[in-house]
């Protein structure tokens, strides 16, 4: 003998109220299982160590204090070298500010010097290769194939 569906639903309602569960007779996906779980935010935040003051923070607090940041100096040097090699960030839009033009000119001059050094060393290498490929006692091809 089977029990009526309405009686089973009433029993489920009472059961859910007693055990603090959600009544969901159609069994639709509600995400309740996730919402019942303990929050992870505090444990994730406690996993990472607290932030320690940096040189940048000290400069902001005490601007009159003379400090130097070795990491920042290394970064700036690396950026300058990359810019000389043509691998730096793209140029910003220039305005009528003369200061930007001076910096741009200085970088351009340094870049041209580096390119000239590369060209001169490349031409020296190609000349030395040609000397090795063409010995002085080699016979010219016109001696074998006269016109």
C-alpha atoms as a PDB file:
ATOM      1  CA  UNK A   1       0.000   0.000   0.000  1.00  0.00           C
ATOM      2  CA  UNK A   2       1.521   3.317  -0.995  1.00  0.00           C
ATOM      3  CA  UNK A   3       1.403   6.544   0.964  1.00  0.00           C
ATOM      4  CA  UNK A   4      -0.029   9.706  -0.594  1.00  0.00           C
ATOM      5  CA  UNK A   5       2.477  12.206  -1.953  1.00  0.00           C
ATOM      6  CA  UNK A   6       1.009  15.062   0.068  1.00  0.00           C
ATOM      7  CA  UNK A   7       1.654  13.180   3.337  1.00  0.00           C
ATOM      8  CA  UNK A   8       5.269  12.518   2.335  1.00  0.00           C
ATOM      9  CA  UNK A   9       5.736  16.218   1.503  1.00  0.00           C
ATOM     10  CA  UNK A  10       4.272  17.212   4.885  1.00  0.00           C
ATOM     11  CA  UNK A  11       6.659  14.802   6.583  1.00  0.00           C
ATOM     12  CA  UNK A  12       9.582  16.270   4.611  1.00  0.00           C
ATOM     13  CA  UNK A  13       8.557  19.818   5.661  1.00  0.00           C
ATOM     14  CA  UNK A  14       8.555  18.857   9.333  1.00  0.00           C
ATOM     15  CA  UNK A  15      11.840  16.997   8.947  1.00  0.00           C
ATOM     16  CA  UNK A  16      13.496  20.030   7.275  1.00  0.00           C
ATOM     17  CA  UNK A  17      12.214  22.354  10.014  1.00  0.00           C
ATOM     18  CA  UNK A  18      13.572  20.081  12.779  1.00  0.00           C
ATOM     19  CA  UNK A  19      17.026  19.550  11.246  1.00  0.00           C
ATOM     20  CA  UNK A  20      17.374  23.132   9.894  1.00  0.00           C
ATOM     21  CA  UNK A  21      17.441  22.077   6.277  1.00  0.00           C
ATOM     22  CA  UNK A  22      15.893  23.724   3.236  1.00  0.00           C
ATOM     23  CA  UNK A  23      12.660  22.300   1.930  1.00  0.00           C
ATOM     24  CA  UNK A  24      13.124  21.556  -1.767  1.00  0.00           C
ATOM     25  CA  UNK A  25      10.614  18.943  -2.980  1.00  0.00           C
ATOM     26  CA  UNK A  26      11.380  19.516  -6.701  1.00  0.00           C
ATOM     27  CA  UNK A  27      15.087  19.012  -5.998  1.00  0.00           C
ATOM     28  CA  UNK A  28      16.135  22.053  -7.990  1.00  0.00           C
ATOM     29  CA  UNK A  29      19.743  23.182  -7.774  1.00  0.00           C
ATOM     30  CA  UNK A  30      19.881  26.061  -5.300  1.00  0.00           C
ATOM     31  CA  UNK A  31      23.527  26.147  -4.257  1.00  0.00           C
ATOM     32  CA  UNK A  32      22.555  25.617  -0.631  1.00  0.00           C
ATOM     33  CA  UNK A  33      25.347  23.122  -0.084  1.00  0.00           C
ATOM     34  CA  UNK A  34      27.917  25.790  -0.932  1.00  0.00           C
ATOM     35  CA  UNK A  35      26.189  28.492   1.111  1.00  0.00           C
ATOM     36  CA  UNK A  36      26.120  26.271   4.223  1.00  0.00           C
ATOM     37  CA  UNK A  37      29.894  25.796   4.165  1.00  0.00           C
ATOM     38  CA  UNK A  38      32.183  27.773   6.406  1.00  0.00           C
ATOM     39  CA  UNK A  39      33.576  30.982   4.869  1.00  0.00           C
ATOM     40  CA  UNK A  40      37.100  30.628   3.467  1.00  0.00           C
ATOM     41  CA  UNK A  41      38.064  34.302   3.391  1.00  0.00           C
ATOM     42  CA  UNK A  42      39.471  34.611   6.924  1.00  0.00           C
ATOM     43  CA  UNK A  43      41.549  31.430   6.641  1.00  0.00           C
ATOM     44  CA  UNK A  44      42.955  32.465   3.242  1.00  0.00           C
ATOM     45  CA  UNK A  45      43.778  35.936   4.585  1.00  0.00           C
ATOM     46  CA  UNK A  46      45.516  34.414   7.618  1.00  0.00           C
ATOM     47  CA  UNK A  47      47.620  32.163   5.353  1.00  0.00           C
ATOM     48  CA  UNK A  48      49.649  35.032   3.905  1.00  0.00           C
ATOM     49  CA  UNK A  49      52.006  36.956   6.196  1.00  0.00           C
ATOM     50  CA  UNK A  50      51.214  40.524   7.096  1.00  0.00           C
ATOM     51  CA  UNK A  51      52.658  43.203   4.838  1.00  0.00           C
ATOM     52  CA  UNK A  52      55.923  44.674   6.058  1.00  0.00           C
ATOM     53  CA  UNK A  53      56.750  48.332   5.498  1.00  0.00           C
ATOM     54  CA  UNK A  54      58.811  48.954   2.373  1.00  0.00           C
ATOM     55  CA  UNK A  55      61.241  51.700   1.414  1.00  0.00           C
ATOM     56  CA  UNK A  56      58.487  53.255  -0.688  1.00  0.00           C
ATOM     57  CA  UNK A  57      56.233  53.451   2.403  1.00  0.00           C
ATOM     58  CA  UNK A  58      59.021  55.064   4.415  1.00  0.00           C
ATOM     59  CA  UNK A  59      59.589  57.672   1.694  1.00  0.00           C
ATOM     60  CA  UNK A  60      55.878  58.495   1.706  1.00  0.00           C
ATOM     61  CA  UNK A  61      55.833  58.884   5.503  1.00  0.00           C
ATOM     62  CA  UNK A  62      59.109  60.806   5.782  1.00  0.00           C
ATOM     63  CA  UNK A  63      59.776  62.727   2.549  1.00  0.00           C
ATOM     64  CA  UNK A  64      62.660  64.714   4.076  1.00  0.00           C
ATOM     65  CA  UNK A  65      64.515  61.496   5.006  1.00  0.00           C
ATOM     66  CA  UNK A  66      67.301  60.629   2.546  1.00  0.00           C
ATOM     67  CA  UNK A  67      66.743  56.971   1.558  1.00  0.00           C
ATOM     68  CA  UNK A  68      67.651  54.829  -1.414  1.00  0.00           C
ATOM     69  CA  UNK A  69      65.938  51.739  -2.710  1.00  0.00           C
ATOM     70  CA  UNK A  70      68.340  49.268  -4.294  1.00  0.00           C
ATOM     71  CA  UNK A  71      65.554  47.227  -5.884  1.00  0.00           C
ATOM     72  CA  UNK A  72      64.041  50.334  -7.464  1.00  0.00           C
ATOM     73  CA  UNK A  73      67.454  51.437  -8.740  1.00  0.00           C
ATOM     74  CA  UNK A  74      68.004  47.992 -10.293  1.00  0.00           C
ATOM     75  CA  UNK A  75      64.571  48.136 -11.895  1.00  0.00           C
ATOM     76  CA  UNK A  76      65.193  51.581 -13.362  1.00  0.00           C
ATOM     77  CA  UNK A  77      68.578  50.469 -14.718  1.00  0.00           C
ATOM     78  CA  UNK A  78      66.975  47.397 -16.303  1.00  0.00           C
ATOM     79  CA  UNK A  79      64.244  49.533 -17.884  1.00  0.00           C
ATOM     80  CA  UNK A  80      66.869  51.913 -19.314  1.00  0.00           C
ATOM     81  CA  UNK A  81      68.869  49.023 -20.804  1.00  0.00           C
ATOM     82  CA  UNK A  82      65.756  47.472 -22.319  1.00  0.00           C
ATOM     83  CA  UNK A  83      64.818  50.837 -23.806  1.00  0.00           C
ATOM     84  CA  UNK A  84      68.281  51.148 -25.364  1.00  0.00           C
ATOM     85  CA  UNK A  85      67.818  47.739 -26.970  1.00  0.00           C
ATOM     86  CA  UNK A  86      64.448  48.818 -28.313  1.00  0.00           C
ATOM     87  CA  UNK A  87      62.498  46.471 -26.015  1.00  0.00           C
ATOM     88  CA  UNK A  88      61.048  49.085 -23.673  1.00  0.00           C
ATOM     89  CA  UNK A  89      57.533  50.388 -23.231  1.00  0.00           C
ATOM     90  CA  UNK A  90      56.071  52.358 -26.126  1.00  0.00           C
ATOM     91  CA  UNK A  91      56.631  56.088 -26.124  1.00  0.00           C
ATOM     92  CA  UNK A  92      53.992  58.261 -24.524  1.00  0.00           C
ATOM     93  CA  UNK A  93      52.303  61.021 -26.421  1.00  0.00           C
ATOM     94  CA  UNK A  94      54.634  64.022 -26.442  1.00  0.00           C
ATOM     95  CA  UNK A  95      53.424  67.446 -25.528  1.00  0.00           C
ATOM     96  CA  UNK A  96      55.114  70.838 -25.745  1.00  0.00           C
ATOM     97  CA  UNK A  97      57.203  69.984 -22.692  1.00  0.00           C
ATOM     98  CA  UNK A  98      60.890  70.504 -23.515  1.00  0.00           C
ATOM     99  CA  UNK A  99      62.047  68.186 -20.728  1.00  0.00           C
ATOM    100  CA  UNK A 100      60.587  65.130 -22.442  1.00  0.00           C
ATOM    101  CA  UNK A 101      62.278  66.066 -25.690  1.00  0.00           C
ATOM    102  CA  UNK A 102      65.697  66.266 -24.009  1.00  0.00           C
ATOM    103  CA  UNK A 103      65.304  62.810 -22.487  1.00  0.00           C
ATOM    104  CA  UNK A 104      64.100  61.445 -25.828  1.00  0.00           C
ATOM    105  CA  UNK A 105      67.077  62.953 -27.651  1.00  0.00           C
ATOM    106  CA  UNK A 106      69.528  61.530 -25.117  1.00  0.00           C
ATOM    107  CA  UNK A 107      68.026  58.070 -25.470  1.00  0.00           C
ATOM    108  CA  UNK A 108      68.047  58.334 -29.259  1.00  0.00           C
ATOM    109  CA  UNK A 109      71.726  59.323 -29.303  1.00  0.00           C
ATOM    110  CA  UNK A 110      72.610  56.411 -27.002  1.00  0.00           C
ATOM    111  CA  UNK A 111      70.594  54.031 -29.196  1.00  0.00           C
ATOM    112  CA  UNK A 112      72.353  55.247 -32.362  1.00  0.00           C
ATOM    113  CA  UNK A 113      75.765  54.799 -30.750  1.00  0.00           C
ATOM    114  CA  UNK A 114      74.881  51.242 -29.800  1.00  0.00           C
ATOM    115  CA  UNK A 115      73.657  50.510 -33.347  1.00  0.00           C
ATOM    116  CA  UNK A 116      76.869  51.932 -34.839  1.00  0.00           C
ATOM    117  CA  UNK A 117      78.939  49.718 -32.566  1.00  0.00           C
ATOM    118  CA  UNK A 118      76.920  46.701 -33.675  1.00  0.00           C
ATOM    119  CA  UNK A 119      77.326  47.616 -37.345  1.00  0.00           C
ATOM    120  CA  UNK A 120      81.073  48.159 -37.066  1.00  0.00           C
ATOM    121  CA  UNK A 121      81.587  44.878 -35.249  1.00  0.00           C
ATOM    122  CA  UNK A 122      79.390  43.087 -37.810  1.00  0.00           C
ATOM    123  CA  UNK A 123      81.336  44.553 -40.746  1.00  0.00           C
ATOM    124  CA  UNK A 124      84.648  43.569 -39.115  1.00  0.00           C
ATOM    125  CA  UNK A 125      83.358  40.013 -38.692  1.00  0.00           C
ATOM    126  CA  UNK A 126      82.212  39.800 -42.314  1.00  0.00           C
ATOM    127  CA  UNK A 127      85.586  41.117 -43.542  1.00  0.00           C
ATOM    128  CA  UNK A 128      87.465  38.544 -41.481  1.00  0.00           C
ATOM    129  CA  UNK A 129      85.198  35.785 -42.879  1.00  0.00           C
ATOM    130  CA  UNK A 130      85.904  36.900 -46.437  1.00  0.00           C
ATOM    131  CA  UNK A 131      89.639  36.792 -45.771  1.00  0.00           C
ATOM    132  CA  UNK A 132      89.297  33.199 -44.594  1.00  0.00           C
ATOM    133  CA  UNK A 133      87.084  32.223 -47.527  1.00  0.00           C
ATOM    134  CA  UNK A 134      89.238  33.819 -50.239  1.00  0.00           C
ATOM    135  CA  UNK A 135      92.890  32.981 -49.753  1.00  0.00           C
ATOM    136  CA  UNK A 136      95.378  35.204 -51.511  1.00  0.00           C
ATOM    137  CA  UNK A 137      96.723  32.360 -53.690  1.00  0.00           C
ATOM    138  CA  UNK A 138      93.252  31.467 -55.062  1.00  0.00           C
ATOM    139  CA  UNK A 139      92.894  31.421 -58.845  1.00  0.00           C
ATOM    140  CA  UNK A 140      90.176  33.579 -60.285  1.00  0.00           C
ATOM    141  CA  UNK A 141      87.374  31.790 -62.185  1.00  0.00           C
ATOM    142  CA  UNK A 142      88.088  33.794 -65.362  1.00  0.00           C
ATOM    143  CA  UNK A 143      91.370  31.913 -65.710  1.00  0.00           C
ATOM    144  CA  UNK A 144      89.410  28.674 -66.183  1.00  0.00           C
ATOM    145  CA  UNK A 145      86.529  30.054 -68.224  1.00  0.00           C
ATOM    146  CA  UNK A 146      87.819  32.708 -70.636  1.00  0.00           C
ATOM    147  CA  UNK A 147      85.237  34.630 -72.667  1.00  0.00           C
END
